[in-house]
């Protein structure tokens, strides 16, 4: 497992949120309402492609640093998680937990930026 410090995690979440908000604005030609509607999809793209998600060695550390470690519960129930483990192994479980947690953390910040600017 690659350890990520809480400080590193917080900085990366802030940085990603700023990038995502800029990207959403760019895609929406600086129309703030349209950009707001793009946040979820842009966040998913950035988080799904992030090295801390791609490389499984970081997944557990992401979940440990996250402010939303149980965010997966908004999407998956125990049966769904069990099926993922049966099909993809335990590493798939850690990836799902990490992506859901990181997505929730970044989303909170980016929506805050969108509403606060």
PDB file of N, CA and C in Angstrom:
ATOM      1  N   UNK A   1       0.846  -1.186   0.000  1.00  0.00           N
ATOM      2  CA  UNK A   1       0.000   0.000   0.000  1.00  0.00           C
ATOM      3  C   UNK A   1       0.890   1.246   0.000  1.00  0.00           C
ATOM      4  N   UNK A   2       0.541   2.177  -0.828  1.00  0.00           N
ATOM      5  CA  UNK A   2       1.219   3.472  -0.854  1.00  0.00           C
ATOM      6  C   UNK A   2       0.480   4.398   0.104  1.00  0.00           C
ATOM      7  N   UNK A   3       1.188   4.957   1.050  1.00  0.00           N
ATOM      8  CA  UNK A   3       0.555   5.834   2.019  1.00  0.00           C
ATOM      9  C   UNK A   3       0.456   7.258   1.488  1.00  0.00           C
ATOM     10  N   UNK A   4      -0.692   7.832   1.657  1.00  0.00           N
ATOM     11  CA  UNK A   4      -0.952   9.223   1.324  1.00  0.00           C
ATOM     12  C   UNK A   4      -1.214   9.913   2.658  1.00  0.00           C
ATOM     13  N   UNK A   5      -0.590  11.044   2.888  1.00  0.00           N
ATOM     14  CA  UNK A   5      -0.856  11.759   4.136  1.00  0.00           C
ATOM     15  C   UNK A   5      -2.156  12.535   3.997  1.00  0.00           C
ATOM     16  N   UNK A   6      -2.739  12.877   5.131  1.00  0.00           N
ATOM     17  CA  UNK A   6      -3.974  13.660   5.119  1.00  0.00           C
ATOM     18  C   UNK A   6      -3.738  14.995   4.426  1.00  0.00           C
ATOM     19  N   UNK A   7      -2.606  15.598   4.676  1.00  0.00           N
ATOM     20  CA  UNK A   7      -2.263  16.879   4.058  1.00  0.00           C
ATOM     21  C   UNK A   7      -2.169  16.754   2.536  1.00  0.00           C
ATOM     22  N   UNK A   8      -1.505  15.708   2.057  1.00  0.00           N
ATOM     23  CA  UNK A   8      -1.404  15.476   0.609  1.00  0.00           C
ATOM     24  C   UNK A   8      -2.795  15.275   0.004  1.00  0.00           C
ATOM     25  N   UNK A   9      -3.595  14.504   0.697  1.00  0.00           N
ATOM     26  CA  UNK A   9      -4.949  14.223   0.214  1.00  0.00           C
ATOM     27  C   UNK A   9      -5.763  15.512   0.125  1.00  0.00           C
ATOM     28  N   UNK A  10      -5.730  16.302   1.173  1.00  0.00           N
ATOM     29  CA  UNK A  10      -6.493  17.550   1.181  1.00  0.00           C
ATOM     30  C   UNK A  10      -6.063  18.477   0.052  1.00  0.00           C
ATOM     31  N   UNK A  11      -4.754  18.603  -0.146  1.00  0.00           N
ATOM     32  CA  UNK A  11      -4.239  19.464  -1.218  1.00  0.00           C
ATOM     33  C   UNK A  11      -4.685  18.963  -2.582  1.00  0.00           C
ATOM     34  N   UNK A  12      -4.638  17.658  -2.772  1.00  0.00           N
ATOM     35  CA  UNK A  12      -5.029  17.093  -4.065  1.00  0.00           C
ATOM     36  C   UNK A  12      -6.525  17.277  -4.317  1.00  0.00           C
ATOM     37  N   UNK A  13      -7.336  17.124  -3.306  1.00  0.00           N
ATOM     38  CA  UNK A  13      -8.782  17.329  -3.454  1.00  0.00           C
ATOM     39  C   UNK A  13      -9.058  18.781  -3.843  1.00  0.00           C
ATOM     40  N   UNK A  14      -8.405  19.716  -3.185  1.00  0.00           N
ATOM     41  CA  UNK A  14      -8.582  21.140  -3.508  1.00  0.00           C
ATOM     42  C   UNK A  14      -8.137  21.430  -4.943  1.00  0.00           C
ATOM     43  N   UNK A  15      -6.998  20.903  -5.318  1.00  0.00           N
ATOM     44  CA  UNK A  15      -6.460  21.120  -6.657  1.00  0.00           C
ATOM     45  C   UNK A  15      -7.375  20.529  -7.727  1.00  0.00           C
ATOM     46  N   UNK A  16      -7.831  19.313  -7.509  1.00  0.00           N
ATOM     47  CA  UNK A  16      -8.751  18.676  -8.458  1.00  0.00           C
ATOM     48  C   UNK A  16     -10.044  19.472  -8.596  1.00  0.00           C
ATOM     49  N   UNK A  17     -10.576  19.919  -7.493  1.00  0.00           N
ATOM     50  CA  UNK A  17     -11.825  20.682  -7.528  1.00  0.00           C
ATOM     51  C   UNK A  17     -11.666  21.955  -8.360  1.00  0.00           C
ATOM     52  N   UNK A  18     -10.558  22.634  -8.186  1.00  0.00           N
ATOM     53  CA  UNK A  18     -10.320  23.845  -8.973  1.00  0.00           C
ATOM     54  C   UNK A  18     -10.188  23.525 -10.459  1.00  0.00           C
ATOM     55  N   UNK A  19      -9.454  22.445 -10.781  1.00  0.00           N
ATOM     56  CA  UNK A  19      -9.311  22.029 -12.180  1.00  0.00           C
ATOM     57  C   UNK A  19     -10.666  21.660 -12.785  1.00  0.00           C
ATOM     58  N   UNK A  20     -11.446  20.940 -12.027  1.00  0.00           N
ATOM     59  CA  UNK A  20     -12.759  20.488 -12.510  1.00  0.00           C
ATOM     60  C   UNK A  20     -13.671  21.676 -12.768  1.00  0.00           C
ATOM     61  N   UNK A  21     -13.689  22.629 -11.870  1.00  0.00           N
ATOM     62  CA  UNK A  21     -14.538  23.799 -12.047  1.00  0.00           C
ATOM     63  C   UNK A  21     -14.088  24.584 -13.287  1.00  0.00           C
ATOM     64  N   UNK A  22     -12.782  24.749 -13.463  1.00  0.00           N
ATOM     65  CA  UNK A  22     -12.278  25.436 -14.670  1.00  0.00           C
ATOM     66  C   UNK A  22     -12.672  24.670 -15.934  1.00  0.00           C
ATOM     67  N   UNK A  23     -12.522  23.351 -15.892  1.00  0.00           N
ATOM     68  CA  UNK A  23     -12.876  22.523 -17.042  1.00  0.00           C
ATOM     69  C   UNK A  23     -14.377  22.619 -17.354  1.00  0.00           C
ATOM     70  N   UNK A  24     -15.201  22.566 -16.342  1.00  0.00           N
ATOM     71  CA  UNK A  24     -16.650  22.675 -16.556  1.00  0.00           C
ATOM     72  C   UNK A  24     -17.004  24.034 -17.158  1.00  0.00           C
ATOM     73  N   UNK A  25     -16.394  25.085 -16.644  1.00  0.00           N
ATOM     74  CA  UNK A  25     -16.633  26.423 -17.208  1.00  0.00           C
ATOM     75  C   UNK A  25     -16.186  26.488 -18.657  1.00  0.00           C
ATOM     76  N   UNK A  26     -15.051  25.912 -18.953  1.00  0.00           N
ATOM     77  CA  UNK A  26     -14.545  25.922 -20.322  1.00  0.00           C
ATOM     78  C   UNK A  26     -15.488  25.165 -21.251  1.00  0.00           C
ATOM     79  N   UNK A  27     -15.911  23.996 -20.831  1.00  0.00           N
ATOM     80  CA  UNK A  27     -16.831  23.201 -21.653  1.00  0.00           C
ATOM     81  C   UNK A  27     -18.159  23.925 -21.868  1.00  0.00           C
ATOM     82  N   UNK A  28     -18.558  24.735 -20.911  1.00  0.00           N
ATOM     83  CA  UNK A  28     -19.840  25.447 -20.969  1.00  0.00           C
ATOM     84  C   UNK A  28     -19.689  26.872 -21.512  1.00  0.00           C
ATOM     85  N   UNK A  29     -18.531  27.168 -22.083  1.00  0.00           N
ATOM     86  CA  UNK A  29     -18.279  28.512 -22.617  1.00  0.00           C
ATOM     87  C   UNK A  29     -18.560  29.593 -21.581  1.00  0.00           C
ATOM     88  N   UNK A  30     -18.114  29.339 -20.362  1.00  0.00           N
ATOM     89  CA  UNK A  30     -18.241  30.253 -19.220  1.00  0.00           C
ATOM     90  C   UNK A  30     -19.674  30.541 -18.785  1.00  0.00           C
ATOM     91  N   UNK A  31     -20.610  29.717 -19.206  1.00  0.00           N
ATOM     92  CA  UNK A  31     -21.983  29.828 -18.708  1.00  0.00           C
ATOM     93  C   UNK A  31     -22.040  29.059 -17.394  1.00  0.00           C
ATOM     94  N   UNK A  32     -22.188  29.783 -16.287  1.00  0.00           N
ATOM     95  CA  UNK A  32     -22.088  29.184 -14.955  1.00  0.00           C
ATOM     96  C   UNK A  32     -23.162  28.120 -14.703  1.00  0.00           C
ATOM     97  N   UNK A  33     -24.372  28.356 -15.188  1.00  0.00           N
ATOM     98  CA  UNK A  33     -25.436  27.366 -14.974  1.00  0.00           C
ATOM     99  C   UNK A  33     -25.143  26.075 -15.720  1.00  0.00           C
ATOM    100  N   UNK A  34     -24.713  26.202 -16.969  1.00  0.00           N
ATOM    101  CA  UNK A  34     -24.370  25.010 -17.744  1.00  0.00           C
ATOM    102  C   UNK A  34     -23.167  24.306 -17.131  1.00  0.00           C
ATOM    103  N   UNK A  35     -22.193  25.079 -16.659  1.00  0.00           N
ATOM    104  CA  UNK A  35     -21.006  24.501 -16.029  1.00  0.00           C
ATOM    105  C   UNK A  35     -21.402  23.723 -14.771  1.00  0.00           C
ATOM    106  N   UNK A  36     -22.309  24.283 -13.996  1.00  0.00           N
ATOM    107  CA  UNK A  36     -22.772  23.615 -12.777  1.00  0.00           C
ATOM    108  C   UNK A  36     -23.356  22.246 -13.118  1.00  0.00           C
ATOM    109  N   UNK A  37     -24.103  22.190 -14.217  1.00  0.00           N
ATOM    110  CA  UNK A  37     -24.710  20.926 -14.636  1.00  0.00           C
ATOM    111  C   UNK A  37     -23.686  19.899 -15.109  1.00  0.00           C
ATOM    112  N   UNK A  38     -22.500  20.351 -15.472  1.00  0.00           N
ATOM    113  CA  UNK A  38     -21.444  19.459 -15.953  1.00  0.00           C
ATOM    114  C   UNK A  38     -20.555  18.910 -14.843  1.00  0.00           C
ATOM    115  N   UNK A  39     -20.654  19.475 -13.659  1.00  0.00           N
ATOM    116  CA  UNK A  39     -19.728  19.134 -12.583  1.00  0.00           C
ATOM    117  C   UNK A  39     -19.682  17.635 -12.296  1.00  0.00           C
ATOM    118  N   UNK A  40     -20.808  16.988 -12.199  1.00  0.00           N
ATOM    119  CA  UNK A  40     -20.810  15.566 -11.844  1.00  0.00           C
ATOM    120  C   UNK A  40     -20.009  14.750 -12.846  1.00  0.00           C
ATOM    121  N   UNK A  41     -20.291  14.947 -14.127  1.00  0.00           N
ATOM    122  CA  UNK A  41     -19.613  14.162 -15.159  1.00  0.00           C
ATOM    123  C   UNK A  41     -18.122  14.470 -15.236  1.00  0.00           C
ATOM    124  N   UNK A  42     -17.763  15.746 -15.150  1.00  0.00           N
ATOM    125  CA  UNK A  42     -16.349  16.121 -15.206  1.00  0.00           C
ATOM    126  C   UNK A  42     -15.620  15.563 -13.974  1.00  0.00           C
ATOM    127  N   UNK A  43     -16.259  15.632 -12.825  1.00  0.00           N
ATOM    128  CA  UNK A  43     -15.661  15.080 -11.610  1.00  0.00           C
ATOM    129  C   UNK A  43     -15.422  13.588 -11.775  1.00  0.00           C
ATOM    130  N   UNK A  44     -16.398  12.891 -12.314  1.00  0.00           N
ATOM    131  CA  UNK A  44     -16.241  11.454 -12.511  1.00  0.00           C
ATOM    132  C   UNK A  44     -15.045  11.155 -13.423  1.00  0.00           C
ATOM    133  N   UNK A  45     -14.914  11.902 -14.503  1.00  0.00           N
ATOM    134  CA  UNK A  45     -13.790  11.688 -15.434  1.00  0.00           C
ATOM    135  C   UNK A  45     -12.447  11.896 -14.733  1.00  0.00           C
ATOM    136  N   UNK A  46     -12.339  12.988 -13.999  1.00  0.00           N
ATOM    137  CA  UNK A  46     -11.071  13.299 -13.318  1.00  0.00           C
ATOM    138  C   UNK A  46     -10.737  12.282 -12.237  1.00  0.00           C
ATOM    139  N   UNK A  47     -11.720  11.926 -11.434  1.00  0.00           N
ATOM    140  CA  UNK A  47     -11.469  10.993 -10.334  1.00  0.00           C
ATOM    141  C   UNK A  47     -11.193   9.594 -10.883  1.00  0.00           C
ATOM    142  N   UNK A  48     -11.982   9.150 -11.832  1.00  0.00           N
ATOM    143  CA  UNK A  48     -11.811   7.815 -12.393  1.00  0.00           C
ATOM    144  C   UNK A  48     -10.429   7.646 -13.026  1.00  0.00           C
ATOM    145  N   UNK A  49      -9.873   8.717 -13.564  1.00  0.00           N
ATOM    146  CA  UNK A  49      -8.570   8.648 -14.198  1.00  0.00           C
ATOM    147  C   UNK A  49      -7.410   9.034 -13.301  1.00  0.00           C
ATOM    148  N   UNK A  50      -7.677   9.330 -12.056  1.00  0.00           N
ATOM    149  CA  UNK A  50      -6.627   9.773 -11.140  1.00  0.00           C
ATOM    150  C   UNK A  50      -5.736   8.601 -10.753  1.00  0.00           C
ATOM    151  N   UNK A  51      -4.438   8.871 -10.608  1.00  0.00           N
ATOM    152  CA  UNK A  51      -3.488   7.800 -10.285  1.00  0.00           C
ATOM    153  C   UNK A  51      -3.821   7.101  -8.975  1.00  0.00           C
ATOM    154  N   UNK A  52      -4.421   7.805  -8.031  1.00  0.00           N
ATOM    155  CA  UNK A  52      -4.759   7.177  -6.755  1.00  0.00           C
ATOM    156  C   UNK A  52      -5.899   6.178  -6.902  1.00  0.00           C
ATOM    157  N   UNK A  53      -6.629   6.268  -8.003  1.00  0.00           N
ATOM    158  CA  UNK A  53      -7.689   5.303  -8.287  1.00  0.00           C
ATOM    159  C   UNK A  53      -7.166   4.219  -9.210  1.00  0.00           C
ATOM    160  N   UNK A  54      -6.422   4.612 -10.224  1.00  0.00           N
ATOM    161  CA  UNK A  54      -5.903   3.654 -11.202  1.00  0.00           C
ATOM    162  C   UNK A  54      -4.974   2.638 -10.551  1.00  0.00           C
ATOM    163  N   UNK A  55      -4.057   3.128  -9.706  1.00  0.00           N
ATOM    164  CA  UNK A  55      -3.089   2.238  -9.066  1.00  0.00           C
ATOM    165  C   UNK A  55      -3.634   1.755  -7.733  1.00  0.00           C
ATOM    166  N   UNK A  56      -3.925   0.472  -7.682  1.00  0.00           N
ATOM    167  CA  UNK A  56      -4.608  -0.105  -6.518  1.00  0.00           C
ATOM    168  C   UNK A  56      -3.823   0.053  -5.217  1.00  0.00           C
ATOM    169  N   UNK A  57      -2.539   0.276  -5.299  1.00  0.00           N
ATOM    170  CA  UNK A  57      -1.745   0.437  -4.082  1.00  0.00           C
ATOM    171  C   UNK A  57      -2.175   1.657  -3.265  1.00  0.00           C
ATOM    172  N   UNK A  58      -2.845   2.607  -3.911  1.00  0.00           N
ATOM    173  CA  UNK A  58      -3.288   3.829  -3.230  1.00  0.00           C
ATOM    174  C   UNK A  58      -4.726   3.735  -2.699  1.00  0.00           C
ATOM    175  N   UNK A  59      -5.490   2.784  -3.175  1.00  0.00           N
ATOM    176  CA  UNK A  59      -6.933   2.764  -2.898  1.00  0.00           C
ATOM    177  C   UNK A  59      -7.287   2.769  -1.414  1.00  0.00           C
ATOM    178  N   UNK A  60      -6.654   1.939  -0.629  1.00  0.00           N
ATOM    179  CA  UNK A  60      -6.980   1.888   0.794  1.00  0.00           C
ATOM    180  C   UNK A  60      -6.610   3.197   1.482  1.00  0.00           C
ATOM    181  N   UNK A  61      -5.496   3.786   1.089  1.00  0.00           N
ATOM    182  CA  UNK A  61      -5.060   5.048   1.679  1.00  0.00           C
ATOM    183  C   UNK A  61      -6.060   6.164   1.361  1.00  0.00           C
ATOM    184  N   UNK A  62      -6.595   6.170   0.142  1.00  0.00           N
ATOM    185  CA  UNK A  62      -7.614   7.160  -0.232  1.00  0.00           C
ATOM    186  C   UNK A  62      -8.814   7.032   0.687  1.00  0.00           C
ATOM    187  N   UNK A  63      -9.275   5.817   0.892  1.00  0.00           N
ATOM    188  CA  UNK A  63     -10.442   5.583   1.740  1.00  0.00           C
ATOM    189  C   UNK A  63     -10.170   6.010   3.179  1.00  0.00           C
ATOM    190  N   UNK A  64      -8.957   5.777   3.649  1.00  0.00           N
ATOM    191  CA  UNK A  64      -8.608   6.168   5.014  1.00  0.00           C
ATOM    192  C   UNK A  64      -8.530   7.691   5.181  1.00  0.00           C
ATOM    193  N   UNK A  65      -8.130   8.406   4.142  1.00  0.00           N
ATOM    194  CA  UNK A  65      -8.004   9.864   4.215  1.00  0.00           C
ATOM    195  C   UNK A  65      -9.327  10.580   3.921  1.00  0.00           C
ATOM    196  N   UNK A  66     -10.232   9.895   3.281  1.00  0.00           N
ATOM    197  CA  UNK A  66     -11.474  10.504   2.825  1.00  0.00           C
ATOM    198  C   UNK A  66     -12.357  10.981   3.979  1.00  0.00           C
ATOM    199  N   UNK A  67     -13.083  12.044   3.710  1.00  0.00           N
ATOM    200  CA  UNK A  67     -14.095  12.546   4.647  1.00  0.00           C
ATOM    201  C   UNK A  67     -15.436  11.855   4.411  1.00  0.00           C
ATOM    202  N   UNK A  68     -15.489  11.054   3.352  1.00  0.00           N
ATOM    203  CA  UNK A  68     -16.714  10.339   2.985  1.00  0.00           C
ATOM    204  C   UNK A  68     -16.407   8.870   2.695  1.00  0.00           C
ATOM    205  N   UNK A  69     -15.813   8.147   3.647  1.00  0.00           N
ATOM    206  CA  UNK A  69     -15.406   6.765   3.364  1.00  0.00           C
ATOM    207  C   UNK A  69     -16.577   5.813   3.097  1.00  0.00           C
ATOM    208  N   UNK A  70     -17.760   6.204   3.471  1.00  0.00           N
ATOM    209  CA  UNK A  70     -18.931   5.351   3.249  1.00  0.00           C
ATOM    210  C   UNK A  70     -19.793   5.816   2.080  1.00  0.00           C
ATOM    211  N   UNK A  71     -19.227   6.633   1.207  1.00  0.00           N
ATOM    212  CA  UNK A  71     -19.988   7.161   0.065  1.00  0.00           C
ATOM    213  C   UNK A  71     -20.489   6.054  -0.858  1.00  0.00           C
ATOM    214  N   UNK A  72     -19.811   4.926  -0.857  1.00  0.00           N
ATOM    215  CA  UNK A  72     -20.243   3.800  -1.688  1.00  0.00           C
ATOM    216  C   UNK A  72     -21.669   3.372  -1.357  1.00  0.00           C
ATOM    217  N   UNK A  73     -22.116   3.620  -0.131  1.00  0.00           N
ATOM    218  CA  UNK A  73     -23.451   3.193   0.290  1.00  0.00           C
ATOM    219  C   UNK A  73     -24.557   3.931  -0.460  1.00  0.00           C
ATOM    220  N   UNK A  74     -24.218   5.060  -1.068  1.00  0.00           N
ATOM    221  CA  UNK A  74     -25.201   5.780  -1.882  1.00  0.00           C
ATOM    222  C   UNK A  74     -25.442   5.089  -3.218  1.00  0.00           C
ATOM    223  N   UNK A  75     -24.533   4.183  -3.585  1.00  0.00           N
ATOM    224  CA  UNK A  75     -24.606   3.539  -4.895  1.00  0.00           C
ATOM    225  C   UNK A  75     -24.799   2.029  -4.783  1.00  0.00           C
ATOM    226  N   UNK A  76     -24.098   1.413  -3.846  1.00  0.00           N
ATOM    227  CA  UNK A  76     -24.078  -0.049  -3.746  1.00  0.00           C
ATOM    228  C   UNK A  76     -24.664  -0.528  -2.425  1.00  0.00           C
ATOM    229  N   UNK A  77     -25.366  -1.661  -2.505  1.00  0.00           N
ATOM    230  CA  UNK A  77     -25.785  -2.339  -1.280  1.00  0.00           C
ATOM    231  C   UNK A  77     -24.830  -3.520  -1.061  1.00  0.00           C
ATOM    232  N   UNK A  78     -25.002  -4.241  -0.001  1.00  0.00           N
ATOM    233  CA  UNK A  78     -24.107  -5.355   0.319  1.00  0.00           C
ATOM    234  C   UNK A  78     -24.102  -6.415  -0.777  1.00  0.00           C
ATOM    235  N   UNK A  79     -25.253  -6.672  -1.362  1.00  0.00           N
ATOM    236  CA  UNK A  79     -25.342  -7.670  -2.421  1.00  0.00           C
ATOM    237  C   UNK A  79     -24.535  -7.230  -3.639  1.00  0.00           C
ATOM    238  N   UNK A  80     -24.676  -5.949  -4.004  1.00  0.00           N
ATOM    239  CA  UNK A  80     -23.927  -5.425  -5.146  1.00  0.00           C
ATOM    240  C   UNK A  80     -22.429  -5.462  -4.919  1.00  0.00           C
ATOM    241  N   UNK A  81     -21.995  -5.113  -3.705  1.00  0.00           N
ATOM    242  CA  UNK A  81     -20.569  -5.172  -3.378  1.00  0.00           C
ATOM    243  C   UNK A  81     -20.075  -6.618  -3.407  1.00  0.00           C
ATOM    244  N   UNK A  82     -20.881  -7.522  -2.896  1.00  0.00           N
ATOM    245  CA  UNK A  82     -20.507  -8.939  -2.909  1.00  0.00           C
ATOM    246  C   UNK A  82     -20.339  -9.461  -4.320  1.00  0.00           C
ATOM    247  N   UNK A  83     -21.209  -9.035  -5.192  1.00  0.00           N
ATOM    248  CA  UNK A  83     -21.116  -9.453  -6.591  1.00  0.00           C
ATOM    249  C   UNK A  83     -19.842  -8.895  -7.234  1.00  0.00           C
ATOM    250  N   UNK A  84     -19.502  -7.636  -6.937  1.00  0.00           N
ATOM    251  CA  UNK A  84     -18.272  -7.052  -7.466  1.00  0.00           C
ATOM    252  C   UNK A  84     -17.042  -7.831  -7.009  1.00  0.00           C
ATOM    253  N   UNK A  85     -17.016  -8.201  -5.744  1.00  0.00           N
ATOM    254  CA  UNK A  85     -15.892  -8.972  -5.215  1.00  0.00           C
ATOM    255  C   UNK A  85     -15.842 -10.345  -5.877  1.00  0.00           C
ATOM    256  N   UNK A  86     -16.999 -10.986  -6.044  1.00  0.00           N
ATOM    257  CA  UNK A  86     -17.039 -12.300  -6.675  1.00  0.00           C
ATOM    258  C   UNK A  86     -16.537 -12.237  -8.110  1.00  0.00           C
ATOM    259  N   UNK A  87     -16.857 -11.162  -8.803  1.00  0.00           N
ATOM    260  CA  UNK A  87     -16.469 -11.038 -10.207  1.00  0.00           C
ATOM    261  C   UNK A  87     -15.057 -10.497 -10.389  1.00  0.00           C
ATOM    262  N   UNK A  88     -14.645  -9.544  -9.538  1.00  0.00           N
ATOM    263  CA  UNK A  88     -13.364  -8.880  -9.766  1.00  0.00           C
ATOM    264  C   UNK A  88     -12.342  -9.028  -8.669  1.00  0.00           C
ATOM    265  N   UNK A  89     -12.689  -9.682  -7.604  1.00  0.00           N
ATOM    266  CA  UNK A  89     -11.762  -9.856  -6.502  1.00  0.00           C
ATOM    267  C   UNK A  89     -11.795  -8.689  -5.540  1.00  0.00           C
ATOM    268  N   UNK A  90     -11.050  -8.823  -4.467  1.00  0.00           N
ATOM    269  CA  UNK A  90     -11.029  -7.825  -3.403  1.00  0.00           C
ATOM    270  C   UNK A  90     -10.467  -6.490  -3.907  1.00  0.00           C
ATOM    271  N   UNK A  91      -9.513  -6.538  -4.830  1.00  0.00           N
ATOM    272  CA  UNK A  91      -8.944  -5.281  -5.338  1.00  0.00           C
ATOM    273  C   UNK A  91     -10.023  -4.418  -5.990  1.00  0.00           C
ATOM    274  N   UNK A  92     -10.987  -5.040  -6.623  1.00  0.00           N
ATOM    275  CA  UNK A  92     -12.092  -4.287  -7.228  1.00  0.00           C
ATOM    276  C   UNK A  92     -12.918  -3.594  -6.142  1.00  0.00           C
ATOM    277  N   UNK A  93     -13.095  -4.247  -5.012  1.00  0.00           N
ATOM    278  CA  UNK A  93     -13.822  -3.656  -3.891  1.00  0.00           C
ATOM    279  C   UNK A  93     -13.114  -2.397  -3.400  1.00  0.00           C
ATOM    280  N   UNK A  94     -11.796  -2.496  -3.184  1.00  0.00           N
ATOM    281  CA  UNK A  94     -11.043  -1.330  -2.707  1.00  0.00           C
ATOM    282  C   UNK A  94     -11.097  -0.181  -3.710  1.00  0.00           C
ATOM    283  N   UNK A  95     -11.074  -0.505  -4.995  1.00  0.00           N
ATOM    284  CA  UNK A  95     -11.160   0.539  -6.020  1.00  0.00           C
ATOM    285  C   UNK A  95     -12.509   1.249  -5.941  1.00  0.00           C
ATOM    286  N   UNK A  96     -13.571   0.488  -5.807  1.00  0.00           N
ATOM    287  CA  UNK A  96     -14.917   1.072  -5.716  1.00  0.00           C
ATOM    288  C   UNK A  96     -15.042   1.949  -4.477  1.00  0.00           C
ATOM    289  N   UNK A  97     -14.556   1.459  -3.343  1.00  0.00           N
ATOM    290  CA  UNK A  97     -14.618   2.259  -2.116  1.00  0.00           C
ATOM    291  C   UNK A  97     -13.846   3.565  -2.288  1.00  0.00           C
ATOM    292  N   UNK A  98     -12.666   3.485  -2.896  1.00  0.00           N
ATOM    293  CA  UNK A  98     -11.832   4.669  -3.085  1.00  0.00           C
ATOM    294  C   UNK A  98     -12.457   5.654  -4.061  1.00  0.00           C
ATOM    295  N   UNK A  99     -12.961   5.169  -5.179  1.00  0.00           N
ATOM    296  CA  UNK A  99     -13.516   6.093  -6.175  1.00  0.00           C
ATOM    297  C   UNK A  99     -14.761   6.788  -5.632  1.00  0.00           C
ATOM    298  N   UNK A 100     -15.599   6.063  -4.919  1.00  0.00           N
ATOM    299  CA  UNK A 100     -16.805   6.682  -4.353  1.00  0.00           C
ATOM    300  C   UNK A 100     -16.429   7.731  -3.304  1.00  0.00           C
ATOM    301  N   UNK A 101     -15.471   7.402  -2.450  1.00  0.00           N
ATOM    302  CA  UNK A 101     -15.047   8.325  -1.393  1.00  0.00           C
ATOM    303  C   UNK A 101     -14.403   9.574  -1.983  1.00  0.00           C
ATOM    304  N   UNK A 102     -13.486   9.385  -2.923  1.00  0.00           N
ATOM    305  CA  UNK A 102     -12.789  10.525  -3.511  1.00  0.00           C
ATOM    306  C   UNK A 102     -13.745  11.391  -4.331  1.00  0.00           C
ATOM    307  N   UNK A 103     -14.661  10.761  -5.039  1.00  0.00           N
ATOM    308  CA  UNK A 103     -15.650  11.513  -5.819  1.00  0.00           C
ATOM    309  C   UNK A 103     -16.492  12.386  -4.893  1.00  0.00           C
ATOM    310  N   UNK A 104     -16.909  11.832  -3.783  1.00  0.00           N
ATOM    311  CA  UNK A 104     -17.720  12.601  -2.832  1.00  0.00           C
ATOM    312  C   UNK A 104     -16.928  13.772  -2.256  1.00  0.00           C
ATOM    313  N   UNK A 105     -15.664  13.538  -1.910  1.00  0.00           N
ATOM    314  CA  UNK A 105     -14.831  14.610  -1.352  1.00  0.00           C
ATOM    315  C   UNK A 105     -14.620  15.731  -2.363  1.00  0.00           C
ATOM    316  N   UNK A 106     -14.263  15.363  -3.590  1.00  0.00           N
ATOM    317  CA  UNK A 106     -14.032  16.377  -4.628  1.00  0.00           C
ATOM    318  C   UNK A 106     -15.332  17.110  -4.942  1.00  0.00           C
ATOM    319  N   UNK A 107     -16.424  16.382  -5.015  1.00  0.00           N
ATOM    320  CA  UNK A 107     -17.714  16.998  -5.332  1.00  0.00           C
ATOM    321  C   UNK A 107     -18.095  18.070  -4.324  1.00  0.00           C
ATOM    322  N   UNK A 108     -17.913  17.783  -3.052  1.00  0.00           N
ATOM    323  CA  UNK A 108     -18.238  18.773  -2.034  1.00  0.00           C
ATOM    324  C   UNK A 108     -17.470  20.065  -2.255  1.00  0.00           C
ATOM    325  N   UNK A 109     -16.207  19.966  -2.592  1.00  0.00           N
ATOM    326  CA  UNK A 109     -15.383  21.150  -2.790  1.00  0.00           C
ATOM    327  C   UNK A 109     -15.737  21.870  -4.079  1.00  0.00           C
ATOM    328  N   UNK A 110     -15.895  21.122  -5.158  1.00  0.00           N
ATOM    329  CA  UNK A 110     -16.159  21.767  -6.442  1.00  0.00           C
ATOM    330  C   UNK A 110     -17.541  22.432  -6.471  1.00  0.00           C
ATOM    331  N   UNK A 111     -18.538  21.801  -5.879  1.00  0.00           N
ATOM    332  CA  UNK A 111     -19.858  22.440  -5.810  1.00  0.00           C
ATOM    333  C   UNK A 111     -19.791  23.695  -4.933  1.00  0.00           C
ATOM    334  N   UNK A 112     -18.982  23.633  -3.895  1.00  0.00           N
ATOM    335  CA  UNK A 112     -18.770  24.828  -3.062  1.00  0.00           C
ATOM    336  C   UNK A 112     -18.136  25.947  -3.868  1.00  0.00           C
ATOM    337  N   UNK A 113     -17.152  25.624  -4.683  1.00  0.00           N
ATOM    338  CA  UNK A 113     -16.543  26.639  -5.549  1.00  0.00           C
ATOM    339  C   UNK A 113     -17.574  27.226  -6.512  1.00  0.00           C
ATOM    340  N   UNK A 114     -18.367  26.360  -7.090  1.00  0.00           N
ATOM    341  CA  UNK A 114     -19.364  26.797  -8.069  1.00  0.00           C
ATOM    342  C   UNK A 114     -20.407  27.713  -7.433  1.00  0.00           C
ATOM    343  N   UNK A 115     -20.767  27.416  -6.212  1.00  0.00           N
ATOM    344  CA  UNK A 115     -21.799  28.217  -5.554  1.00  0.00           C
ATOM    345  C   UNK A 115     -21.222  29.473  -4.899  1.00  0.00           C
ATOM    346  N   UNK A 116     -19.930  29.443  -4.574  1.00  0.00           N
ATOM    347  CA  UNK A 116     -19.323  30.551  -3.855  1.00  0.00           C
ATOM    348  C   UNK A 116     -18.697  31.634  -4.700  1.00  0.00           C
ATOM    349  N   UNK A 117     -18.458  31.358  -5.947  1.00  0.00           N
ATOM    350  CA  UNK A 117     -17.794  32.357  -6.795  1.00  0.00           C
ATOM    351  C   UNK A 117     -18.763  33.390  -7.315  1.00  0.00           C
TER     352      UNK A 117
END
